[in-house]
Amino acid sequence: MSSDITCNQLRAGTQLNVKPLRVQLDSMNPQQASYYGGAAPYFRYAAYILSPPFDIRQQDLLVDTVNIDPKTQTNKQYRIINDPEWFPDGHYEMVVDRSDGK
């Protein structure tokens, strides 16, 4: 399953982007999620960003600009858990975990 969202990029609590990033999230199957140390239930996704090269790093936080986490009533948040990889066709690939927005 895939979903398209818009996010702000935060590092150490500081927003780095001027315009929201468009991100595609694909659900991972249990085997893929377990590779990164996941346990059931897991909230781990493959994320794709279409963009020219920019500074995006492991541990950056992607904060959804629209969707609200029903548990915390704050915007959904996704933490980058691997080194993002940029490809010459103009996209990044990374793995993210959905985290509680607190």
Protein backbone atom coordinates (compact mmCIF):
# COMPACT_ATOMS: atom_id res chain seq x y z
CA MET A 1 0.00 0.00 0.00
CA SER A 2 1.29 3.44 -0.90
CA SER A 3 0.31 6.93 0.24
CA ASP A 4 1.44 10.40 -0.77
CA ILE A 5 1.98 13.00 1.95
CA THR A 6 3.59 16.41 2.38
CA CYS A 7 6.11 16.88 5.19
CA ASN A 8 8.37 19.39 6.84
CA GLN A 9 11.94 18.27 7.53
CA LEU A 10 13.23 18.88 11.06
CA ARG A 11 16.69 18.37 12.50
CA ALA A 12 17.27 18.98 16.22
CA GLY A 13 13.91 20.77 16.38
CA THR A 14 14.72 23.22 13.57
CA GLN A 15 12.73 23.18 10.33
CA LEU A 16 15.08 22.96 7.35
CA ASN A 17 12.77 23.26 4.34
CA VAL A 18 10.97 26.33 3.01
CA LYS A 19 8.29 24.44 1.06
CA PRO A 20 6.83 21.11 2.23
CA LEU A 21 8.45 17.99 0.76
CA ARG A 22 6.29 15.58 -1.20
CA VAL A 23 6.87 12.08 0.14
CA GLN A 24 5.59 8.69 -1.02
CA LEU A 25 5.27 6.10 1.77
CA ASP A 26 5.13 2.38 0.96
CA SER A 27 4.29 -0.13 3.67
CA MET A 28 6.99 -2.72 4.30
CA ASN A 29 6.23 -6.40 4.63
CA PRO A 30 7.20 -8.06 7.94
CA GLN A 31 10.40 -9.55 6.50
CA GLN A 32 11.64 -6.16 5.30
CA ALA A 33 10.71 -4.46 8.58
CA SER A 34 12.48 -7.13 10.65
CA TYR A 35 15.70 -6.47 8.72
CA TYR A 36 15.80 -3.05 10.43
CA GLY A 37 15.03 -4.53 13.86
CA GLY A 38 11.26 -4.13 13.73
CA ALA A 39 8.84 -6.03 15.91
CA ALA A 40 5.12 -6.54 15.52
CA PRO A 41 3.19 -4.34 15.35
CA TYR A 42 5.48 -2.26 13.19
CA PHE A 43 5.06 1.19 11.66
CA ARG A 44 7.94 1.12 9.21
CA TYR A 45 7.81 2.43 5.66
CA ALA A 46 9.95 2.80 2.56
CA ALA A 47 9.91 6.52 1.73
CA TYR A 48 10.65 8.21 -1.59
CA ILE A 49 11.20 11.93 -2.18
CA LEU A 50 11.45 13.44 -5.67
CA SER A 51 13.96 16.23 -5.32
CA PRO A 52 17.33 17.48 -6.47
CA PRO A 53 20.12 16.68 -4.01
CA PHE A 54 19.71 18.37 -0.63
CA ASP A 55 20.87 17.75 2.93
CA ILE A 56 18.74 14.95 4.35
CA ARG A 57 20.19 12.67 7.01
CA GLN A 58 19.54 9.70 9.22
CA GLN A 59 17.59 10.77 12.35
CA ASP A 60 15.91 13.72 10.58
CA LEU A 61 12.21 13.98 11.38
CA LEU A 62 9.56 14.29 8.67
CA VAL A 63 6.41 15.91 10.08
CA ASP A 64 3.23 15.44 8.06
CA THR A 65 1.61 18.80 7.32
CA VAL A 66 -1.95 17.42 7.00
CA ASN A 67 -2.56 14.07 8.69
CA ILE A 68 -3.14 13.90 12.44
CA ASP A 69 -2.14 11.00 14.69
CA PRO A 70 -5.40 9.98 16.41
CA LYS A 71 -3.51 8.79 19.50
CA THR A 72 -1.70 12.07 20.22
CA GLN A 73 -3.82 14.60 18.26
CA THR A 74 -0.65 16.03 16.70
CA ASN A 75 0.72 15.80 13.18
CA LYS A 76 2.07 12.37 12.25
CA GLN A 77 5.86 12.11 12.43
CA TYR A 78 8.31 9.85 10.62
CA ARG A 79 11.94 9.36 11.76
CA ILE A 80 14.53 8.44 9.11
CA ILE A 81 16.32 5.30 10.36
CA ASN A 82 18.89 4.67 7.62
CA ASP A 83 21.19 6.74 5.41
CA PRO A 84 19.02 8.28 2.67
CA GLU A 85 20.22 7.40 -0.81
CA TRP A 86 19.97 9.83 -3.72
CA PHE A 87 19.60 8.47 -7.27
CA PRO A 88 20.61 10.24 -10.50
CA ASP A 89 17.01 10.21 -11.78
CA GLY A 90 16.22 12.77 -9.05
CA HIS A 91 14.79 10.85 -6.09
CA TYR A 92 15.81 9.81 -2.58
CA GLU A 93 15.04 6.46 -0.97
CA MET A 94 15.03 5.88 2.79
CA VAL A 95 13.39 3.87 5.56
CA VAL A 96 11.25 5.70 8.14
CA ASP A 97 9.48 4.75 11.35
CA ARG A 98 6.24 6.45 12.33
CA SER A 99 6.67 7.83 15.81
CA ASP A 100 4.34 9.43 18.34
CA GLY A 101 4.11 13.16 17.85
CA LYS A 102 4.78 14.46 21.36
